[in-house]
Amino acid sequence: MGRGDYGNWERVGVEFYSPSRGWGCPEAEATVKLVAEKCYSFRDYNGNLYFRRSAGEWVRALPDELSPIERGHLYVVSASGREGDSHVVVFSVRAADAETEPLVKGLGAWVDLPRYGRQTAVQAFDRVFCLPWESLGEFEARVRALGGEVRRCFVDLAEVAEAERGVLTAAAAFRQAWDELGQAAQRVACPADLEEVEFLAARVRGLAREVEEGLEELRRAKERIALEPGRLADKARVDAAVRRAEKAWADVAACNVDARVREAVARVADLEAARGAPPVPAPVSDGWRRDAEAAFRAVLSAMEEGLAVSGALASGSGDDLAVRAVGALKRLEEAVSGAEAVLANARDVAGILREQARRMLGVEPSAGAAD
């Protein structure tokens, strides 16, 4: 029976380690597997189960067979709480157990638990616990002495500077795209021109989102650094970066993209209304279709007859060739005349389509242009 079967144990994490990528690597690349288990009893320590890969399978490993890093002694620390009452939050891949006790003893470590409030016993911790700021240095020294590692996840001024550059770059690109959108909105002359307006509007909106998201990132950095003791000069630099980004965002937010698009649409609508309603070809009726099919069948029949008579005339064979030739010619002329009427209707439709295309493209017909 596994201890999970007793009801007071819960698996709280499964992590993988490789020498080249450290903790958090894919299982396929891992050489060590750690299973963190939380014991829901303040009398017993949590547990960590270790496994090594052997012949493609995970087999149990004893703690003494692993280095401190391989046993999960990697701790990431960050600031938490609120300004004026902040502390350090410590996260580890491993559950706090008997090995954790000497690392935090006497340092004022604690966790806040629902229903139980603040608890200082290591047995109450899971993979996260808190430390006072003044204990961080001693905690780091103890972890290093053990052979583990502590990574500080505090505000990095280089990252703040990069975020600010991103905001200002996006704001400059926004202003250029905004001007291009205005020019495109002014020169629209037909519905087809609105495609360019739509494309530029999408680009402007995307750049506005970049500015806004960059500003939010800087604001989060300002909130985080406010929790870190000291660093007054760094806090001033972050605050200045936020102010510059807020000014850039204010300029961006003052531009109403939707209004500019509506102006372009209204301009095209006004031009279309001034041109009048476009001609619309009448639908092809069943009667017209039957007449057209009959006319072209008559042309084809008359052509076949004419070709037969022409061949007879060339060979000089057959009777009444002159009479047959006159009759074939008459019938061919009558068939062509009927087909001409159909073609006249087709030319009318072509003229209407040509005019519609001109309107769509905003091209005025030239004087004397053929229909």
Protein backbone atom coordinates (compact mmCIF):
# COMPACT_ATOMS: atom_id res chain seq x y z
CA MET A 1 0.00 0.00 0.00
CA GLY A 2 1.44 3.35 -1.01
CA ARG A 3 1.31 6.26 1.36
CA GLY A 4 -1.04 8.03 -1.03
CA ASP A 5 -3.54 5.38 -0.03
CA TYR A 6 -3.63 6.57 3.58
CA GLY A 7 -5.50 9.72 2.62
CA ASN A 8 -3.21 12.34 4.19
CA TRP A 9 -0.61 12.47 1.38
CA GLU A 10 -0.95 14.39 -1.86
CA ARG A 11 1.38 14.59 -4.82
CA VAL A 12 2.11 18.32 -5.31
CA GLY A 13 4.66 18.22 -8.11
CA VAL A 14 6.60 16.11 -10.59
CA GLU A 15 9.76 17.73 -11.90
CA PHE A 16 12.53 16.63 -14.29
CA TYR A 17 16.24 17.47 -14.32
CA SER A 18 19.03 17.19 -16.86
CA PRO A 19 22.65 18.33 -16.40
CA SER A 20 22.51 20.48 -19.52
CA ARG A 21 19.14 22.16 -18.98
CA GLY A 22 18.63 21.92 -15.23
CA TRP A 23 15.24 21.61 -13.60
CA GLY A 24 12.17 22.06 -15.80
CA CYS A 25 13.47 20.15 -18.81
CA PRO A 26 11.25 17.79 -20.85
CA GLU A 27 10.94 14.28 -19.46
CA ALA A 28 12.54 12.83 -22.61
CA GLU A 29 15.81 14.68 -21.83
CA ALA A 30 15.78 14.16 -18.06
CA THR A 31 18.18 12.03 -16.04
CA VAL A 32 16.48 12.64 -12.67
CA LYS A 33 12.78 12.64 -11.77
CA LEU A 34 11.51 14.16 -8.51
CA VAL A 35 8.04 13.51 -7.10
CA ALA A 36 7.11 15.98 -4.34
CA GLU A 37 4.50 14.77 -1.84
CA LYS A 38 2.70 16.87 0.75
CA CYS A 39 1.77 15.32 4.10
CA TYR A 40 -1.36 16.84 5.60
CA SER A 41 -0.15 16.47 9.15
CA PHE A 42 1.78 19.06 11.11
CA ARG A 43 3.59 16.23 12.90
CA ASP A 44 5.26 14.67 9.84
CA TYR A 45 7.60 16.10 7.24
CA ASN A 46 6.71 16.10 3.57
CA GLY A 47 8.47 13.64 1.30
CA ASN A 48 10.38 13.69 -1.98
CA LEU A 49 10.83 10.58 -4.08
CA TYR A 50 13.80 10.41 -6.44
CA PHE A 51 14.24 8.38 -9.62
CA ARG A 52 17.08 7.84 -12.07
CA ARG A 53 16.69 6.73 -15.65
CA SER A 54 18.03 3.24 -16.31
CA ALA A 55 17.66 1.50 -19.67
CA GLY A 56 14.85 3.89 -20.55
CA GLU A 57 12.95 3.23 -17.31
CA TRP A 58 12.65 5.27 -14.10
CA VAL A 59 14.06 3.43 -11.06
CA ARG A 60 14.11 4.62 -7.46
CA ALA A 61 17.24 6.44 -6.30
CA LEU A 62 18.44 7.10 -2.78
CA PRO A 63 19.05 10.73 -1.72
CA ASP A 64 22.72 9.95 -1.02
CA GLU A 65 23.16 8.97 -4.69
CA LEU A 66 22.21 12.47 -5.85
CA SER A 67 23.82 15.88 -5.59
CA PRO A 68 22.01 18.67 -3.70
CA ILE A 69 20.92 20.21 -7.01
CA GLU A 70 19.66 16.84 -8.22
CA ARG A 71 17.68 16.56 -4.97
CA GLY A 72 15.88 19.77 -5.91
CA HIS A 73 17.73 22.34 -3.80
CA LEU A 74 17.03 25.10 -6.30
CA TYR A 75 15.13 28.04 -4.82
CA VAL A 76 13.60 30.98 -6.68
CA VAL A 77 12.85 34.04 -4.55
CA SER A 78 10.65 37.02 -5.37
CA ALA A 79 9.05 39.94 -3.56
CA SER A 80 5.47 39.77 -2.35
CA GLY A 81 3.07 41.48 0.03
CA ARG A 82 2.26 45.17 -0.22
CA GLU A 83 4.32 48.34 -0.17
CA GLY A 84 5.54 48.97 3.36
CA ASP A 85 4.81 45.39 4.41
CA SER A 86 6.58 43.13 1.96
CA HIS A 87 8.44 39.86 2.32
CA VAL A 88 10.22 37.22 0.25
CA VAL A 89 8.41 34.27 -1.31
CA VAL A 90 10.56 31.18 -1.83
CA PHE A 91 9.59 28.54 -4.39
CA SER A 92 11.32 25.20 -4.86
CA VAL A 93 10.82 22.18 -7.09
CA ARG A 94 10.95 19.98 -3.98
CA ALA A 95 8.56 19.80 -1.05
CA ALA A 96 9.92 21.15 2.21
CA ASP A 97 11.15 18.18 4.24
CA ALA A 98 13.71 17.31 6.90
CA GLU A 99 16.49 18.68 4.67
CA THR A 100 14.72 22.03 4.60
CA GLU A 101 14.68 22.39 8.38
CA PRO A 102 18.33 23.48 8.86
CA LEU A 103 18.04 25.90 5.92
CA VAL A 104 15.26 27.97 7.53
CA LYS A 105 15.68 27.33 11.26
CA GLY A 106 15.73 30.60 13.17
CA LEU A 107 15.03 32.70 10.05
CA GLY A 108 11.34 33.35 10.74
CA ALA A 109 10.01 31.34 7.79
CA TRP A 110 6.26 30.84 7.57
CA VAL A 111 3.26 29.98 5.40
CA ASP A 112 -0.31 31.23 5.61
CA LEU A 113 -2.82 28.38 5.47
CA PRO A 114 -6.59 28.59 5.11
CA ARG A 115 -8.32 27.80 8.40
CA TYR A 116 -4.99 27.55 10.24
CA GLY A 117 -3.51 31.00 9.65
CA ARG A 118 0.23 31.59 9.87
CA GLN A 119 2.29 28.46 10.50
CA THR A 120 6.05 28.42 11.18
CA ALA A 121 6.67 24.67 11.38
CA VAL A 122 8.43 23.25 8.32
CA GLN A 123 5.97 20.35 8.43
CA ALA A 124 3.25 22.81 7.39
CA PHE A 125 5.14 24.03 4.29
CA ASP A 126 4.71 22.56 0.82
CA ARG A 127 6.90 23.83 -2.04
CA VAL A 128 6.40 27.52 -1.19
CA PHE A 129 7.16 29.45 1.99
CA CYS A 130 7.88 33.02 3.04
CA LEU A 131 10.88 34.74 4.63
CA PRO A 132 11.45 38.20 6.09
CA TRP A 133 13.70 40.35 3.94
CA GLU A 134 16.38 40.45 6.61
CA SER A 135 16.67 36.64 6.51
CA LEU A 136 17.28 36.35 2.78
CA GLY A 137 21.07 36.73 2.96
CA GLU A 138 21.47 34.06 5.62
CA PHE A 139 19.13 31.70 3.74
CA GLU A 140 21.19 32.12 0.57
CA ALA A 141 24.41 31.41 2.49
CA ARG A 142 22.99 28.21 3.96
CA VAL A 143 21.76 26.97 0.59
CA ARG A 144 25.13 27.65 -1.03
CA ALA A 145 26.91 25.85 1.81
CA LEU A 146 24.70 22.83 1.19
CA GLY A 147 25.55 22.89 -2.52
CA GLY A 148 22.24 24.25 -3.75
CA GLU A 149 21.33 27.42 -5.63
CA VAL A 150 19.15 30.50 -4.99
CA ARG A 151 17.92 32.58 -7.91
CA ARG A 152 16.62 36.07 -7.27
CA CYS A 153 13.62 37.02 -9.38
CA PHE A 154 13.65 40.75 -8.72
CA VAL A 155 13.15 43.70 -11.05
CA ASP A 156 15.93 43.87 -13.65
CA LEU A 157 16.67 47.40 -14.86
CA ALA A 158 17.94 46.07 -18.18
CA GLU A 159 14.55 44.44 -18.77
CA VAL A 160 12.82 47.67 -17.76
CA ALA A 161 14.92 49.62 -20.25
CA GLU A 162 14.13 47.10 -22.99
CA ALA A 163 10.41 47.32 -22.25
CA GLU A 164 10.54 51.11 -22.41
CA ARG A 165 12.38 51.02 -25.75
CA GLY A 166 9.69 48.71 -27.06
CA VAL A 167 6.97 51.14 -25.99
CA LEU A 168 8.65 54.18 -27.53
CA THR A 169 9.48 52.33 -30.76
CA ALA A 170 5.90 51.12 -31.12
CA ALA A 171 4.62 54.63 -30.38
CA ALA A 172 6.81 56.12 -33.12
CA ALA A 173 5.63 53.46 -35.58
CA PHE A 174 2.06 54.19 -34.52
CA ARG A 175 2.40 57.89 -35.36
CA GLN A 176 3.74 57.07 -38.82
CA ALA A 177 0.99 54.53 -39.48
CA TRP A 178 -1.60 56.99 -38.16
CA ASP A 179 -0.45 59.61 -40.68
CA GLU A 180 -0.54 57.03 -43.49
CA LEU A 181 -4.07 56.07 -42.48
CA GLY A 182 -5.14 59.71 -42.61
CA GLN A 183 -3.67 60.15 -46.09
CA ALA A 184 -5.35 56.98 -47.33
CA ALA A 185 -8.68 58.10 -45.85
CA GLN A 186 -8.40 61.42 -47.72
CA ARG A 187 -7.65 59.94 -51.12
CA VAL A 188 -10.30 57.21 -51.22
CA ALA A 189 -12.39 57.54 -54.39
CA CYS A 190 -14.17 54.20 -54.67
CA PRO A 191 -15.03 51.13 -52.59
CA ALA A 192 -11.83 49.34 -53.67
CA ASP A 193 -9.73 52.04 -51.96
CA LEU A 194 -11.22 51.08 -48.60
CA GLU A 195 -9.12 47.89 -48.60
CA GLU A 196 -6.00 49.98 -48.01
CA VAL A 197 -7.78 51.89 -45.26
CA GLU A 198 -8.80 48.64 -43.59
CA PHE A 199 -5.24 47.27 -43.78
CA LEU A 200 -3.70 50.43 -42.30
CA ALA A 201 -6.35 50.60 -39.57
CA ALA A 202 -5.48 47.04 -38.50
CA ARG A 203 -1.79 47.96 -38.33
CA VAL A 204 -2.53 51.08 -36.29
CA ARG A 205 -4.63 49.10 -33.82
CA GLY A 206 -1.89 46.47 -33.48
CA LEU A 207 0.73 49.10 -32.69
CA ALA A 208 -1.59 50.69 -30.14
CA ARG A 209 -1.89 47.32 -28.40
CA GLU A 210 1.91 47.01 -28.32
CA VAL A 211 2.20 50.40 -26.62
CA GLU A 212 -0.52 49.57 -24.08
CA GLU A 213 0.90 46.11 -23.26
CA GLY A 214 4.40 47.55 -22.85
CA LEU A 215 3.07 50.19 -20.48
CA GLU A 216 1.31 47.52 -18.40
CA GLU A 217 4.58 45.57 -18.18
CA LEU A 218 6.36 48.67 -16.89
CA ARG A 219 3.61 49.34 -14.37
CA ARG A 220 3.94 45.78 -13.06
CA ALA A 221 7.69 46.31 -12.70
CA LYS A 222 7.01 49.49 -10.72
CA GLU A 223 4.65 47.60 -8.39
CA ARG A 224 7.18 44.82 -7.89
CA ILE A 225 10.18 47.03 -7.21
CA ALA A 226 8.13 48.99 -4.69
CA LEU A 227 8.12 45.81 -2.57
CA GLU A 228 11.91 45.49 -2.61
CA PRO A 229 13.68 47.26 0.26
CA GLY A 230 16.21 49.90 -0.68
CA ARG A 231 16.95 50.37 -4.40
CA LEU A 232 15.72 53.97 -4.21
CA ALA A 233 17.69 55.03 -7.28
CA ASP A 234 16.37 52.05 -9.24
CA LYS A 235 12.81 52.85 -8.16
CA ALA A 236 13.25 56.40 -9.46
CA ARG A 237 14.49 55.07 -12.80
CA VAL A 238 11.55 52.69 -13.14
CA ASP A 239 9.11 55.45 -12.21
CA ALA A 240 10.63 57.73 -14.87
CA ALA A 241 10.30 54.96 -17.48
CA VAL A 242 6.64 54.48 -16.56
CA ARG A 243 5.98 58.22 -16.90
CA ARG A 244 7.55 58.37 -20.36
CA ALA A 245 5.56 55.34 -21.45
CA GLU A 246 2.35 56.84 -20.05
CA LYS A 247 2.93 60.00 -22.08
CA ALA A 248 3.47 57.93 -25.24
CA TRP A 249 0.28 55.99 -24.52
CA ALA A 250 -1.69 59.18 -23.91
CA ASP A 251 -0.73 60.40 -27.40
CA VAL A 252 -1.74 57.06 -28.89
CA ALA A 253 -5.02 56.84 -26.97
CA ALA A 254 -6.02 60.30 -28.22
CA CYS A 255 -6.18 58.97 -31.81
CA ASN A 256 -9.63 57.62 -32.72
CA VAL A 257 -9.00 54.95 -35.34
CA ASP A 258 -12.67 54.04 -35.69
CA ALA A 259 -13.61 57.65 -36.40
CA ARG A 260 -10.98 57.93 -39.13
CA VAL A 261 -12.25 54.73 -40.76
CA ARG A 262 -15.83 56.00 -40.60
CA GLU A 263 -14.74 59.22 -42.33
CA ALA A 264 -13.23 57.21 -45.19
CA VAL A 265 -16.38 55.11 -45.57
CA ALA A 266 -18.55 58.23 -45.54
CA ARG A 267 -16.36 59.86 -48.21
CA VAL A 268 -16.76 56.89 -50.52
CA ALA A 269 -20.50 56.81 -49.86
CA ASP A 270 -20.79 60.50 -50.77
CA LEU A 271 -18.86 59.99 -54.02
CA GLU A 272 -20.99 56.99 -54.95
CA ALA A 273 -24.18 58.88 -54.23
CA ALA A 274 -23.02 61.78 -56.42
CA ARG A 275 -22.42 59.42 -59.33
CA GLY A 276 -25.97 58.16 -59.19
CA ALA A 277 -27.25 54.63 -59.08
CA PRO A 278 -25.17 52.25 -61.20
CA PRO A 279 -26.91 50.56 -64.14
CA VAL A 280 -27.99 47.00 -63.50
CA PRO A 281 -28.43 44.51 -66.35
CA ALA A 282 -31.81 42.81 -66.60
CA PRO A 283 -31.80 39.17 -65.61
CA VAL A 284 -31.66 36.59 -68.38
CA SER A 285 -35.20 35.29 -68.87
CA ASP A 286 -36.01 31.74 -69.94
CA GLY A 287 -37.58 33.11 -73.11
CA TRP A 288 -34.48 35.10 -74.03
CA ARG A 289 -32.31 32.04 -73.37
CA ARG A 290 -34.51 29.86 -75.62
CA ASP A 291 -34.47 32.50 -78.41
CA ALA A 292 -30.66 32.79 -78.16
CA GLU A 293 -30.15 29.04 -78.30
CA ALA A 294 -32.52 28.77 -81.31
CA ALA A 295 -30.76 31.62 -83.12
CA PHE A 296 -27.31 30.05 -82.81
CA ARG A 297 -28.62 26.61 -83.73
CA ALA A 298 -30.11 28.20 -86.88
CA VAL A 299 -26.71 29.80 -87.67
CA LEU A 300 -24.96 26.45 -87.24
CA SER A 301 -27.52 24.63 -89.43
CA ALA A 302 -27.35 27.29 -92.15
CA MET A 303 -23.54 27.17 -92.10
CA GLU A 304 -23.54 23.39 -92.53
CA GLU A 305 -25.98 23.66 -95.43
CA GLY A 306 -23.94 26.45 -97.03
CA LEU A 307 -20.73 24.44 -96.75
CA ALA A 308 -22.41 21.43 -98.39
CA VAL A 309 -23.67 23.54 -101.31
CA SER A 310 -20.25 25.20 -101.64
CA GLY A 311 -18.61 21.78 -101.92
CA ALA A 312 -21.10 20.71 -104.60
CA LEU A 313 -20.46 23.91 -106.59
CA ALA A 314 -16.72 23.32 -106.43
CA SER A 315 -17.06 19.75 -107.79
CA GLY A 316 -19.74 20.66 -110.35
CA SER A 317 -21.88 17.71 -109.29
CA GLY A 318 -25.58 17.80 -108.50
CA ASP A 319 -28.71 19.29 -109.99
CA ASP A 320 -30.16 22.77 -109.49
CA LEU A 321 -26.95 23.99 -107.87
CA ALA A 322 -27.78 27.64 -108.52
CA VAL A 323 -31.23 27.36 -106.89
CA ARG A 324 -29.76 25.49 -103.89
CA ALA A 325 -27.00 28.07 -103.49
CA VAL A 326 -29.46 31.00 -103.49
CA GLY A 327 -31.65 29.27 -100.89
CA ALA A 328 -28.70 28.39 -98.63
CA LEU A 329 -27.38 31.94 -98.79
CA LYS A 330 -30.80 33.38 -97.91
CA ARG A 331 -31.20 31.09 -94.93
CA LEU A 332 -27.65 31.86 -93.69
CA GLU A 333 -28.28 35.61 -93.92
CA GLU A 334 -31.56 35.25 -91.99
CA ALA A 335 -29.82 33.15 -89.28
CA VAL A 336 -26.98 35.64 -88.94
CA SER A 337 -29.50 38.47 -88.64
CA GLY A 338 -31.25 36.64 -85.77
CA ALA A 339 -27.94 36.02 -84.03
CA GLU A 340 -27.03 39.71 -84.38
CA ALA A 341 -30.03 40.62 -82.25
CA VAL A 342 -28.80 38.28 -79.51
CA LEU A 343 -25.28 39.72 -79.75
CA ALA A 344 -26.69 43.25 -79.47
CA ASN A 345 -28.21 42.30 -76.11
CA ALA A 346 -24.86 40.80 -75.05
CA ARG A 347 -23.10 44.05 -75.99
CA ASP A 348 -25.56 45.97 -73.83
CA VAL A 349 -24.71 43.77 -70.85
CA ALA A 350 -20.98 44.23 -71.53
CA GLY A 351 -21.41 48.00 -71.57
CA ILE A 352 -23.19 47.94 -68.21
CA LEU A 353 -20.47 45.77 -66.67
CA ARG A 354 -17.81 48.10 -68.04
CA GLU A 355 -19.52 51.09 -66.42
CA GLN A 356 -19.85 49.26 -63.11
CA ALA A 357 -16.14 48.40 -63.19
CA ARG A 358 -15.27 52.03 -63.82
CA ARG A 359 -17.31 53.10 -60.83
CA MET A 360 -15.76 50.48 -58.59
CA LEU A 361 -12.23 51.48 -59.60
CA GLY A 362 -12.98 55.20 -59.54
CA VAL A 363 -12.07 55.66 -63.21
CA GLU A 364 -14.03 58.22 -65.17
CA PRO A 365 -14.82 57.23 -68.78
CA SER A 366 -12.73 59.14 -71.29
CA ALA A 367 -14.42 61.33 -73.91
CA GLY A 368 -15.44 59.34 -76.92
CA ALA A 369 -14.70 56.03 -75.21
CA ALA A 370 -16.37 53.15 -76.95
CA ASP A 371 -19.05 51.27 -75.07
